């Protein structure tokens, strides 16, 4: 597994509701490689040196979520309206 320069990845699960147990399992996996922030019930931003496919493999390995639908993409240029704490977290890596 080749480590790349760290950058932001967006991770979104397609669930109407994630249980606290599922959220905890996802966050435990996301914490393997660095820092993450959950800004919505089913969306995370991860600061990572691993490619999206590495995260696909890791997240698919979570017991009980093998068939879960999710999407991971590298963040490039971004803009939006989020709580200030989210922008502060993102900007702390600049």
Protein backbone atom coordinates (compact mmCIF):
# COMPACT_ATOMS: atom_id res chain seq x y z
CA UNK A 1 0.00 0.00 0.00
CA UNK A 2 1.60 3.24 -1.15
CA UNK A 3 1.12 6.28 1.03
CA UNK A 4 0.44 9.47 -0.90
CA UNK A 5 0.58 13.10 0.10
CA UNK A 6 -2.22 13.75 2.57
CA UNK A 7 -5.35 15.43 1.28
CA UNK A 8 -9.03 15.66 2.11
CA UNK A 9 -11.41 12.87 1.13
CA UNK A 10 -15.18 13.09 1.36
CA UNK A 11 -16.95 9.94 2.58
CA UNK A 12 -20.74 9.69 2.32
CA UNK A 13 -22.94 6.72 3.21
CA UNK A 14 -26.30 6.24 1.52
CA UNK A 15 -28.39 5.42 4.56
CA UNK A 16 -31.46 7.22 5.76
CA UNK A 17 -30.15 6.54 9.26
CA UNK A 18 -26.91 5.19 10.69
CA UNK A 19 -27.12 3.62 14.12
CA UNK A 20 -24.70 4.79 16.82
CA UNK A 21 -22.99 1.37 16.53
CA UNK A 22 -22.54 1.83 12.76
CA UNK A 23 -21.25 5.38 13.21
CA UNK A 24 -18.79 4.20 15.83
CA UNK A 25 -17.53 1.39 13.58
CA UNK A 26 -17.07 3.79 10.66
CA UNK A 27 -15.25 6.33 12.81
CA UNK A 28 -12.99 3.66 14.26
CA UNK A 29 -11.94 2.67 10.72
CA UNK A 30 -11.53 6.30 9.62
CA UNK A 31 -9.25 6.91 12.60
CA UNK A 32 -6.73 4.32 11.35
CA UNK A 33 -5.02 6.80 9.05
CA UNK A 34 -5.39 10.16 10.64
CA UNK A 35 -7.94 12.77 11.36
CA UNK A 36 -11.61 12.94 10.37
CA UNK A 37 -14.63 15.14 11.00
CA UNK A 38 -18.30 14.16 10.72
CA UNK A 39 -20.31 17.17 9.59
CA UNK A 40 -23.64 15.44 8.83
CA UNK A 41 -25.25 12.19 10.03
CA UNK A 42 -23.91 10.27 7.02
CA UNK A 43 -20.96 12.42 5.82
CA UNK A 44 -17.33 12.64 6.88
CA UNK A 45 -14.22 14.49 5.74
CA UNK A 46 -11.00 12.53 6.22
CA UNK A 47 -7.48 13.94 6.07
CA UNK A 48 -5.60 10.98 4.63
CA UNK A 49 -2.58 9.84 2.68
CA UNK A 50 -4.41 6.79 1.31
CA UNK A 51 -6.34 6.57 -1.93
CA UNK A 52 -10.13 6.25 -1.95
CA UNK A 53 -9.93 2.55 -2.94
CA UNK A 54 -7.99 1.80 0.26
CA UNK A 55 -10.88 3.31 2.21
CA UNK A 56 -13.43 1.32 0.19
CA UNK A 57 -11.67 -1.90 1.21
CA UNK A 58 -11.46 -0.84 4.85
CA UNK A 59 -15.08 0.27 5.10
CA UNK A 60 -16.42 -2.81 3.30
CA UNK A 61 -14.68 -4.93 5.93
CA UNK A 62 -16.88 -3.55 8.73
CA UNK A 63 -19.04 -6.39 9.96
CA UNK A 64 -22.68 -5.97 9.02
CA UNK A 65 -21.98 -3.28 6.44
CA UNK A 66 -20.66 -5.40 3.59
CA UNK A 67 -23.51 -4.33 1.30
CA UNK A 68 -23.63 -0.70 2.42
CA UNK A 69 -23.68 1.95 -0.28
CA UNK A 70 -21.14 4.72 0.09
CA UNK A 71 -19.14 7.18 -1.99
CA UNK A 72 -15.58 8.41 -1.48
CA UNK A 73 -13.93 11.17 -3.49
CA UNK A 74 -10.90 13.42 -3.21
CA UNK A 75 -11.84 16.98 -2.41
CA UNK A 76 -10.42 19.59 -4.77
CA UNK A 77 -11.77 23.09 -4.82
CA UNK A 78 -14.58 23.39 -2.33
CA UNK A 79 -17.02 25.96 -1.06
CA UNK A 80 -20.26 25.92 0.84
CA UNK A 81 -22.02 26.89 4.01
CA UNK A 82 -21.10 24.82 7.03
CA UNK A 83 -20.65 25.49 10.73
CA UNK A 84 -17.56 27.55 11.50
CA UNK A 85 -16.03 24.61 13.40
CA UNK A 86 -15.95 22.60 10.15
CA UNK A 87 -14.11 25.40 8.31
CA UNK A 88 -11.74 25.80 11.26
CA UNK A 89 -10.94 22.06 11.13
CA UNK A 90 -10.34 22.14 7.37
CA UNK A 91 -8.23 25.29 7.59
CA UNK A 92 -6.10 23.86 10.40
CA UNK A 93 -4.39 21.69 7.76
CA UNK A 94 -3.39 24.59 5.50
